[in-house]
N, C-alpha and C. Protein backbone atom coordinates (compact mmCIF):
# COMPACT_ATOMS: atom_id res chain seq x y z
N MET A 1 -5.79 20.85 -10.74
CA MET A 1 -5.82 19.77 -9.76
C MET A 1 -7.01 18.84 -10.02
N GLU A 2 -8.19 19.44 -10.29
CA GLU A 2 -9.39 18.64 -10.53
C GLU A 2 -9.21 17.73 -11.75
N ARG A 3 -8.60 18.29 -12.79
CA ARG A 3 -8.37 17.50 -14.00
C ARG A 3 -7.45 16.31 -13.71
N SER A 4 -6.44 16.56 -12.88
CA SER A 4 -5.51 15.49 -12.51
C SER A 4 -6.23 14.38 -11.76
N ARG A 5 -7.10 14.74 -10.82
CA ARG A 5 -7.85 13.74 -10.07
C ARG A 5 -8.77 12.94 -10.99
N ARG A 6 -9.43 13.65 -11.92
CA ARG A 6 -10.34 12.98 -12.84
C ARG A 6 -9.55 12.01 -13.73
N GLY A 7 -8.41 12.46 -14.24
CA GLY A 7 -7.58 11.60 -15.08
C GLY A 7 -7.07 10.41 -14.31
N ASP A 8 -6.69 10.64 -13.05
CA ASP A 8 -6.22 9.55 -12.19
C ASP A 8 -7.34 8.53 -11.97
N LYS A 9 -8.55 9.04 -11.75
CA LYS A 9 -9.69 8.15 -11.53
C LYS A 9 -9.99 7.34 -12.79
N LEU A 10 -9.92 7.98 -13.95
CA LEU A 10 -10.17 7.26 -15.20
C LEU A 10 -9.12 6.18 -15.43
N LEU A 11 -7.85 6.51 -15.17
CA LEU A 11 -6.79 5.52 -15.32
C LEU A 11 -7.02 4.36 -14.38
N ARG A 12 -7.36 4.65 -13.14
CA ARG A 12 -7.60 3.61 -12.14
C ARG A 12 -8.77 2.73 -12.56
N GLU A 13 -9.86 3.34 -13.00
CA GLU A 13 -11.02 2.57 -13.42
C GLU A 13 -10.70 1.73 -14.65
N ALA A 14 -9.93 2.28 -15.57
CA ALA A 14 -9.59 1.55 -16.78
C ALA A 14 -8.66 0.38 -16.48
N PHE A 15 -7.80 0.53 -15.46
CA PHE A 15 -6.84 -0.52 -15.14
C PHE A 15 -7.47 -1.63 -14.31
N PHE A 16 -8.13 -1.28 -13.21
CA PHE A 16 -8.67 -2.28 -12.30
C PHE A 16 -10.15 -2.53 -12.48
N GLU A 17 -10.92 -1.51 -12.81
CA GLU A 17 -12.37 -1.62 -12.96
C GLU A 17 -13.01 -2.32 -11.76
N THR A 18 -12.67 -1.87 -10.57
CA THR A 18 -13.20 -2.45 -9.35
C THR A 18 -13.69 -1.36 -8.41
N ALA A 19 -14.33 -1.80 -7.34
CA ALA A 19 -14.76 -0.89 -6.29
C ALA A 19 -13.75 -0.85 -5.15
N ALA A 20 -12.56 -1.36 -5.39
CA ALA A 20 -11.56 -1.48 -4.33
C ALA A 20 -10.95 -0.14 -3.96
N PRO A 21 -10.65 0.04 -2.68
CA PRO A 21 -9.86 1.22 -2.30
C PRO A 21 -8.43 1.07 -2.83
N ARG A 22 -7.75 2.19 -2.95
CA ARG A 22 -6.37 2.16 -3.46
C ARG A 22 -5.47 1.23 -2.66
N ALA A 23 -5.67 1.19 -1.36
CA ALA A 23 -4.82 0.33 -0.52
C ALA A 23 -4.98 -1.13 -0.92
N ALA A 24 -6.19 -1.56 -1.22
CA ALA A 24 -6.42 -2.94 -1.64
C ALA A 24 -5.76 -3.21 -2.99
N ASP A 25 -5.84 -2.23 -3.89
CA ASP A 25 -5.17 -2.38 -5.19
C ASP A 25 -3.66 -2.49 -5.01
N LEU A 26 -3.11 -1.67 -4.13
CA LEU A 26 -1.68 -1.70 -3.86
C LEU A 26 -1.26 -3.06 -3.28
N VAL A 27 -2.04 -3.56 -2.34
CA VAL A 27 -1.73 -4.87 -1.75
C VAL A 27 -1.79 -5.95 -2.82
N LEU A 28 -2.80 -5.90 -3.69
CA LEU A 28 -2.92 -6.89 -4.76
C LEU A 28 -1.68 -6.88 -5.65
N VAL A 29 -1.27 -5.70 -6.09
CA VAL A 29 -0.10 -5.59 -6.96
C VAL A 29 1.15 -6.06 -6.23
N MET A 30 1.30 -5.68 -4.97
CA MET A 30 2.47 -6.10 -4.19
C MET A 30 2.51 -7.62 -4.02
N GLU A 31 1.37 -8.22 -3.72
CA GLU A 31 1.34 -9.67 -3.52
C GLU A 31 1.67 -10.43 -4.81
N ILE A 32 1.16 -9.94 -5.93
CA ILE A 32 1.50 -10.57 -7.22
C ILE A 32 2.99 -10.44 -7.47
N ALA A 33 3.54 -9.26 -7.23
CA ALA A 33 4.98 -9.05 -7.41
C ALA A 33 5.79 -9.95 -6.48
N MET A 34 5.32 -10.11 -5.25
CA MET A 34 6.04 -10.99 -4.32
C MET A 34 5.97 -12.45 -4.79
N GLY A 35 4.82 -12.87 -5.30
CA GLY A 35 4.71 -14.22 -5.83
C GLY A 35 5.68 -14.47 -6.97
N VAL A 36 5.77 -13.50 -7.88
CA VAL A 36 6.73 -13.60 -8.99
C VAL A 36 8.16 -13.58 -8.43
N GLY A 37 8.40 -12.72 -7.45
CA GLY A 37 9.72 -12.65 -6.82
C GLY A 37 10.14 -13.98 -6.20
N LEU A 38 9.19 -14.68 -5.61
CA LEU A 38 9.51 -16.00 -5.03
C LEU A 38 9.89 -17.00 -6.12
N LEU A 39 9.25 -16.90 -7.27
CA LEU A 39 9.62 -17.77 -8.40
C LEU A 39 11.03 -17.42 -8.89
N VAL A 40 11.35 -16.14 -8.94
CA VAL A 40 12.71 -15.71 -9.31
C VAL A 40 13.71 -16.25 -8.29
N GLY A 41 13.36 -16.16 -7.02
CA GLY A 41 14.24 -16.69 -5.98
C GLY A 41 14.44 -18.19 -6.10
N ALA A 42 13.39 -18.91 -6.43
CA ALA A 42 13.51 -20.37 -6.63
C ALA A 42 14.44 -20.66 -7.81
N ARG A 43 14.34 -19.85 -8.83
CA ARG A 43 15.21 -20.01 -10.00
C ARG A 43 16.68 -19.76 -9.62
N LEU A 44 16.89 -18.77 -8.77
CA LEU A 44 18.26 -18.51 -8.31
C LEU A 44 18.83 -19.74 -7.60
N ALA A 45 18.02 -20.40 -6.79
CA ALA A 45 18.49 -21.61 -6.10
C ALA A 45 18.83 -22.71 -7.09
N ARG A 46 17.99 -22.86 -8.11
CA ARG A 46 18.25 -23.90 -9.12
C ARG A 46 19.55 -23.63 -9.88
N LYS A 47 19.91 -22.35 -9.98
CA LYS A 47 21.16 -21.99 -10.65
C LYS A 47 22.36 -22.03 -9.71
N GLY A 48 22.12 -22.42 -8.44
CA GLY A 48 23.20 -22.51 -7.47
C GLY A 48 23.62 -21.18 -6.86
N ARG A 49 22.82 -20.16 -7.05
CA ARG A 49 23.13 -18.84 -6.50
C ARG A 49 22.39 -18.70 -5.17
N PHE A 50 22.88 -19.44 -4.19
CA PHE A 50 22.16 -19.60 -2.92
C PHE A 50 22.13 -18.34 -2.06
N GLN A 51 23.17 -17.54 -2.10
CA GLN A 51 23.15 -16.31 -1.30
C GLN A 51 22.10 -15.34 -1.84
N GLN A 52 22.04 -15.17 -3.16
CA GLN A 52 21.03 -14.30 -3.76
C GLN A 52 19.63 -14.86 -3.51
N HIS A 53 19.51 -16.19 -3.59
CA HIS A 53 18.25 -16.86 -3.30
C HIS A 53 17.80 -16.55 -1.88
N ALA A 54 18.70 -16.67 -0.93
CA ALA A 54 18.37 -16.43 0.48
C ALA A 54 17.93 -14.99 0.70
N TRP A 55 18.65 -14.04 0.11
CA TRP A 55 18.28 -12.62 0.26
C TRP A 55 16.91 -12.35 -0.36
N CYS A 56 16.69 -12.87 -1.54
CA CYS A 56 15.43 -12.65 -2.25
C CYS A 56 14.25 -13.20 -1.45
N GLN A 57 14.35 -14.47 -1.07
CA GLN A 57 13.23 -15.10 -0.36
C GLN A 57 13.01 -14.45 1.01
N SER A 58 14.09 -14.15 1.71
CA SER A 58 13.96 -13.53 3.03
C SER A 58 13.30 -12.17 2.95
N ALA A 59 13.72 -11.36 1.99
CA ALA A 59 13.12 -10.03 1.83
C ALA A 59 11.63 -10.14 1.54
N ILE A 60 11.25 -11.09 0.72
CA ILE A 60 9.83 -11.24 0.37
C ILE A 60 9.02 -11.73 1.56
N VAL A 61 9.53 -12.70 2.29
CA VAL A 61 8.81 -13.20 3.47
C VAL A 61 8.62 -12.08 4.49
N LEU A 62 9.65 -11.27 4.71
CA LEU A 62 9.55 -10.18 5.68
C LEU A 62 8.64 -9.04 5.18
N LEU A 63 8.73 -8.73 3.89
CA LEU A 63 7.83 -7.73 3.33
C LEU A 63 6.38 -8.20 3.45
N ASN A 64 6.14 -9.46 3.14
CA ASN A 64 4.78 -9.98 3.26
C ASN A 64 4.29 -9.93 4.70
N LEU A 65 5.16 -10.22 5.65
CA LEU A 65 4.78 -10.13 7.06
C LEU A 65 4.30 -8.72 7.39
N ALA A 66 5.00 -7.72 6.88
CA ALA A 66 4.61 -6.32 7.12
C ALA A 66 3.26 -6.02 6.47
N VAL A 67 3.06 -6.46 5.24
CA VAL A 67 1.78 -6.23 4.54
C VAL A 67 0.64 -6.90 5.30
N VAL A 68 0.86 -8.11 5.75
CA VAL A 68 -0.17 -8.82 6.51
C VAL A 68 -0.50 -8.07 7.80
N ALA A 69 0.53 -7.67 8.51
CA ALA A 69 0.32 -7.00 9.81
C ALA A 69 -0.35 -5.63 9.65
N VAL A 70 0.04 -4.87 8.65
CA VAL A 70 -0.46 -3.51 8.49
C VAL A 70 -1.78 -3.44 7.75
N MET A 71 -1.97 -4.30 6.75
CA MET A 71 -3.16 -4.19 5.89
C MET A 71 -4.18 -5.31 6.09
N MET A 72 -3.72 -6.54 6.09
CA MET A 72 -4.66 -7.66 6.04
C MET A 72 -5.30 -7.97 7.39
N ILE A 73 -4.52 -8.01 8.44
CA ILE A 73 -5.09 -8.33 9.76
C ILE A 73 -6.13 -7.29 10.17
N PRO A 74 -5.83 -5.99 10.07
CA PRO A 74 -6.88 -5.02 10.44
C PRO A 74 -8.15 -5.16 9.59
N SER A 75 -8.02 -5.39 8.30
CA SER A 75 -9.19 -5.56 7.44
C SER A 75 -9.99 -6.80 7.84
N PHE A 76 -9.29 -7.89 8.10
CA PHE A 76 -9.95 -9.13 8.51
C PHE A 76 -10.68 -8.93 9.83
N ARG A 77 -10.04 -8.25 10.78
CA ARG A 77 -10.66 -8.03 12.10
C ARG A 77 -11.94 -7.20 11.99
N VAL A 78 -11.97 -6.24 11.09
CA VAL A 78 -13.14 -5.37 10.95
C VAL A 78 -14.24 -6.02 10.12
N HIS A 79 -13.88 -6.61 8.98
CA HIS A 79 -14.88 -7.05 8.01
C HIS A 79 -15.30 -8.51 8.12
N VAL A 80 -14.46 -9.35 8.68
CA VAL A 80 -14.74 -10.79 8.65
C VAL A 80 -14.90 -11.39 10.04
N LEU A 81 -13.94 -11.20 10.89
CA LEU A 81 -13.91 -11.85 12.20
C LEU A 81 -15.21 -11.70 13.00
N PRO A 82 -15.83 -10.52 13.03
CA PRO A 82 -17.06 -10.40 13.81
C PRO A 82 -18.21 -11.27 13.29
N ARG A 83 -18.10 -11.75 12.06
CA ARG A 83 -19.19 -12.53 11.47
C ARG A 83 -18.90 -14.03 11.39
N ILE A 84 -17.81 -14.43 12.03
CA ILE A 84 -17.48 -15.86 12.10
C ILE A 84 -18.04 -16.39 13.41
N PRO A 85 -18.68 -17.51 13.44
CA PRO A 85 -18.90 -18.49 12.38
C PRO A 85 -20.23 -18.33 11.64
N ALA A 86 -21.05 -17.39 12.05
CA ALA A 86 -22.41 -17.28 11.51
C ALA A 86 -22.46 -17.15 10.00
N LYS A 87 -21.52 -16.44 9.39
CA LYS A 87 -21.60 -16.15 7.95
C LYS A 87 -20.62 -16.96 7.10
N LEU A 88 -20.00 -17.99 7.68
CA LEU A 88 -19.01 -18.76 6.91
C LEU A 88 -19.60 -19.47 5.70
N GLY A 89 -20.90 -19.61 5.64
CA GLY A 89 -21.53 -20.23 4.48
C GLY A 89 -21.58 -19.32 3.27
N LYS A 90 -21.26 -18.05 3.45
CA LYS A 90 -21.26 -17.08 2.35
C LYS A 90 -19.84 -16.95 1.79
N ALA A 91 -19.74 -16.90 0.46
CA ALA A 91 -18.42 -16.86 -0.20
C ALA A 91 -17.58 -15.68 0.27
N TYR A 92 -18.20 -14.55 0.52
CA TYR A 92 -17.49 -13.35 0.95
C TYR A 92 -16.64 -13.64 2.18
N TYR A 93 -17.22 -14.34 3.14
CA TYR A 93 -16.53 -14.64 4.40
C TYR A 93 -15.70 -15.92 4.30
N ALA A 94 -16.20 -16.91 3.60
CA ALA A 94 -15.49 -18.19 3.48
C ALA A 94 -14.16 -18.02 2.75
N LEU A 95 -14.16 -17.27 1.66
CA LEU A 95 -12.91 -17.06 0.91
C LEU A 95 -11.89 -16.32 1.77
N ALA A 96 -12.33 -15.25 2.41
CA ALA A 96 -11.40 -14.47 3.24
C ALA A 96 -10.86 -15.29 4.40
N THR A 97 -11.70 -16.11 5.00
CA THR A 97 -11.26 -16.93 6.13
C THR A 97 -10.30 -18.02 5.68
N THR A 98 -10.61 -18.68 4.57
CA THR A 98 -9.72 -19.71 4.04
C THR A 98 -8.37 -19.09 3.66
N HIS A 99 -8.41 -17.94 3.01
CA HIS A 99 -7.19 -17.21 2.65
C HIS A 99 -6.38 -16.88 3.90
N ALA A 100 -7.05 -16.42 4.94
CA ALA A 100 -6.35 -16.04 6.17
C ALA A 100 -5.73 -17.26 6.87
N VAL A 101 -6.46 -18.35 6.94
CA VAL A 101 -5.95 -19.54 7.63
C VAL A 101 -4.75 -20.14 6.89
N ILE A 102 -4.92 -20.39 5.60
CA ILE A 102 -3.82 -20.99 4.83
C ILE A 102 -2.66 -20.00 4.72
N GLY A 103 -2.98 -18.71 4.58
CA GLY A 103 -1.95 -17.69 4.52
C GLY A 103 -1.13 -17.61 5.80
N THR A 104 -1.79 -17.73 6.94
CA THR A 104 -1.09 -17.70 8.22
C THR A 104 -0.13 -18.88 8.33
N VAL A 105 -0.61 -20.06 7.99
CA VAL A 105 0.24 -21.26 8.04
C VAL A 105 1.44 -21.09 7.11
N THR A 106 1.18 -20.58 5.91
CA THR A 106 2.25 -20.41 4.92
C THR A 106 3.27 -19.37 5.37
N GLU A 107 2.81 -18.24 5.89
CA GLU A 107 3.73 -17.20 6.36
C GLU A 107 4.56 -17.72 7.54
N LEU A 108 3.93 -18.43 8.46
CA LEU A 108 4.67 -19.00 9.60
C LEU A 108 5.71 -20.01 9.12
N ALA A 109 5.35 -20.82 8.13
CA ALA A 109 6.31 -21.79 7.58
C ALA A 109 7.47 -21.06 6.89
N GLY A 110 7.17 -19.98 6.17
CA GLY A 110 8.23 -19.18 5.55
C GLY A 110 9.16 -18.57 6.58
N LEU A 111 8.58 -18.07 7.66
CA LEU A 111 9.41 -17.51 8.75
C LEU A 111 10.24 -18.60 9.42
N TYR A 112 9.67 -19.78 9.57
CA TYR A 112 10.41 -20.90 10.15
C TYR A 112 11.61 -21.27 9.27
N ILE A 113 11.39 -21.33 7.96
CA ILE A 113 12.50 -21.63 7.05
C ILE A 113 13.56 -20.54 7.15
N LEU A 114 13.13 -19.28 7.16
CA LEU A 114 14.06 -18.16 7.27
C LEU A 114 14.90 -18.28 8.54
N LEU A 115 14.25 -18.54 9.66
CA LEU A 115 14.98 -18.67 10.94
C LEU A 115 15.87 -19.90 10.96
N SER A 116 15.39 -20.97 10.37
CA SER A 116 16.14 -22.22 10.38
C SER A 116 17.35 -22.18 9.45
N ALA A 117 17.15 -21.61 8.27
CA ALA A 117 18.22 -21.62 7.27
C ALA A 117 19.14 -20.42 7.39
N GLY A 118 18.58 -19.28 7.80
CA GLY A 118 19.35 -18.05 7.71
C GLY A 118 19.93 -17.53 9.00
N THR A 119 19.60 -18.18 10.12
CA THR A 119 20.10 -17.68 11.41
C THR A 119 20.49 -18.86 12.30
N SER A 120 21.03 -18.52 13.44
CA SER A 120 21.31 -19.56 14.44
C SER A 120 20.40 -19.34 15.66
N VAL A 121 19.27 -18.66 15.45
CA VAL A 121 18.33 -18.37 16.53
C VAL A 121 17.71 -19.65 17.07
N LEU A 122 17.34 -20.56 16.18
CA LEU A 122 16.72 -21.81 16.62
C LEU A 122 17.78 -22.80 17.10
N PRO A 123 17.46 -23.55 18.14
CA PRO A 123 18.38 -24.63 18.54
C PRO A 123 18.54 -25.62 17.38
N GLU A 124 19.68 -26.25 17.32
CA GLU A 124 19.99 -27.13 16.19
C GLU A 124 18.93 -28.23 16.00
N LYS A 125 18.37 -28.74 17.08
CA LYS A 125 17.39 -29.82 16.95
C LYS A 125 16.09 -29.36 16.29
N PHE A 126 15.84 -28.05 16.22
CA PHE A 126 14.64 -27.51 15.59
C PHE A 126 14.88 -26.99 14.18
N ARG A 127 16.11 -27.06 13.72
CA ARG A 127 16.44 -26.56 12.39
C ARG A 127 16.12 -27.61 11.33
N ILE A 128 15.80 -27.12 10.15
CA ILE A 128 15.50 -28.00 9.01
C ILE A 128 16.80 -28.55 8.46
N ILE A 129 16.77 -29.82 8.10
CA ILE A 129 17.94 -30.44 7.49
C ILE A 129 17.76 -30.53 5.98
N LYS A 130 16.58 -30.95 5.55
CA LYS A 130 16.28 -31.09 4.12
C LYS A 130 15.39 -29.93 3.69
N TYR A 131 16.03 -28.90 3.18
CA TYR A 131 15.33 -27.66 2.85
C TYR A 131 14.45 -27.75 1.62
N LYS A 132 14.88 -28.51 0.64
CA LYS A 132 14.22 -28.48 -0.66
C LYS A 132 12.73 -28.78 -0.56
N ALA A 133 12.35 -29.83 0.16
CA ALA A 133 10.93 -30.18 0.29
C ALA A 133 10.15 -29.08 1.00
N TRP A 134 10.72 -28.54 2.06
CA TRP A 134 10.07 -27.45 2.79
C TRP A 134 9.85 -26.25 1.89
N MET A 135 10.90 -25.85 1.19
CA MET A 135 10.83 -24.66 0.36
C MET A 135 9.85 -24.83 -0.79
N ARG A 136 9.86 -25.98 -1.42
CA ARG A 136 8.92 -26.22 -2.52
C ARG A 136 7.48 -26.25 -2.03
N THR A 137 7.27 -26.84 -0.86
CA THR A 137 5.91 -26.88 -0.29
C THR A 137 5.42 -25.48 0.03
N VAL A 138 6.28 -24.68 0.65
CA VAL A 138 5.88 -23.31 1.00
C VAL A 138 5.65 -22.48 -0.27
N LEU A 139 6.46 -22.66 -1.28
CA LEU A 139 6.25 -21.94 -2.54
C LEU A 139 4.90 -22.31 -3.16
N ALA A 140 4.58 -23.60 -3.17
CA ALA A 140 3.28 -24.03 -3.70
C ALA A 140 2.13 -23.46 -2.86
N LEU A 141 2.27 -23.53 -1.55
CA LEU A 141 1.23 -22.97 -0.68
C LEU A 141 1.09 -21.47 -0.88
N TRP A 142 2.21 -20.77 -1.08
CA TRP A 142 2.17 -19.32 -1.30
C TRP A 142 1.31 -19.01 -2.52
N TRP A 143 1.47 -19.80 -3.57
CA TRP A 143 0.68 -19.56 -4.79
C TRP A 143 -0.78 -19.92 -4.58
N VAL A 144 -1.08 -20.93 -3.77
CA VAL A 144 -2.47 -21.23 -3.42
C VAL A 144 -3.06 -20.03 -2.68
N VAL A 145 -2.31 -19.50 -1.73
CA VAL A 145 -2.77 -18.34 -0.95
C VAL A 145 -2.93 -17.13 -1.86
N LEU A 146 -2.01 -16.92 -2.79
CA LEU A 146 -2.13 -15.81 -3.72
C LEU A 146 -3.41 -15.94 -4.56
N LEU A 147 -3.68 -17.13 -5.04
CA LEU A 147 -4.91 -17.35 -5.82
C LEU A 147 -6.16 -17.14 -4.96
N LEU A 148 -6.11 -17.59 -3.72
CA LEU A 148 -7.23 -17.32 -2.80
C LEU A 148 -7.37 -15.82 -2.54
N GLY A 149 -6.25 -15.13 -2.47
CA GLY A 149 -6.29 -13.68 -2.30
C GLY A 149 -6.90 -12.99 -3.51
N LEU A 150 -6.56 -13.46 -4.70
CA LEU A 150 -7.18 -12.91 -5.92
C LEU A 150 -8.69 -13.17 -5.93
N ALA A 151 -9.08 -14.37 -5.51
CA ALA A 151 -10.51 -14.70 -5.44
C ALA A 151 -11.22 -13.83 -4.40
N THR A 152 -10.56 -13.61 -3.27
CA THR A 152 -11.14 -12.74 -2.23
C THR A 152 -11.29 -11.32 -2.76
N TYR A 153 -10.25 -10.82 -3.40
CA TYR A 153 -10.30 -9.47 -3.98
C TYR A 153 -11.46 -9.37 -4.98
N ALA A 154 -11.57 -10.36 -5.85
CA ALA A 154 -12.66 -10.34 -6.84
C ALA A 154 -14.02 -10.37 -6.16
N ARG A 155 -14.18 -11.21 -5.15
CA ARG A 155 -15.47 -11.31 -4.47
C ARG A 155 -15.82 -10.03 -3.73
N TRP A 156 -14.83 -9.40 -3.12
CA TRP A 156 -15.08 -8.19 -2.33
C TRP A 156 -15.25 -6.95 -3.20
N TYR A 157 -14.48 -6.85 -4.29
CA TYR A 157 -14.39 -5.58 -4.99
C TYR A 157 -14.84 -5.59 -6.45
N VAL A 158 -15.23 -6.73 -6.97
CA VAL A 158 -15.71 -6.78 -8.36
C VAL A 158 -17.13 -7.34 -8.33
N PRO A 159 -18.06 -6.54 -7.84
CA PRO A 159 -19.41 -7.05 -7.59
C PRO A 159 -20.15 -7.50 -8.86
N HIS A 160 -19.84 -6.92 -10.01
CA HIS A 160 -20.56 -7.33 -11.23
C HIS A 160 -20.25 -8.77 -11.63
N LEU A 161 -19.20 -9.37 -11.11
CA LEU A 161 -18.91 -10.78 -11.40
C LEU A 161 -19.89 -11.71 -10.67
N PHE A 162 -20.50 -11.20 -9.61
CA PHE A 162 -21.30 -12.06 -8.74
C PHE A 162 -22.78 -11.68 -8.68
N ARG A 163 -23.22 -10.83 -9.57
CA ARG A 163 -24.64 -10.47 -9.57
C ARG A 163 -25.46 -11.63 -10.08
N LYS A 164 -26.64 -11.73 -9.52
CA LYS A 164 -27.55 -12.82 -9.95
C LYS A 164 -28.46 -12.36 -11.03
């Protein structure tokens, strides 16, 4: 058992080389996979495979909502929120806060598209008519948020990048 743990630790260190807990590594990998999945979904739409596109994008938006609710919000509440606004001048807090704000807007926009395009929950006057601009904007914002998430991960868990 000890050898297995040591080997697992070596593999983890060799792969990520960070001080991150496993949960943070898992979230990072999942978010990158979701970002790629959204690009695959966009490609499906371009090929006219709209039902597969809808399933792909909807699954990713809902999976991301779960990841945000279970992993990101609790971490933000413990590590960042108590230090706002006093520490916003520090990259550690500024990156996480910017990621959270833009990420929240992007996730809400994704949920709005999902409800508008995929259900009849919203009254007709609140539904989107021209989806393409909305979807492309949300996809671009998602990648901005993903890059901010990568920067946050690096700032929080790769301390040797930021030593003076």
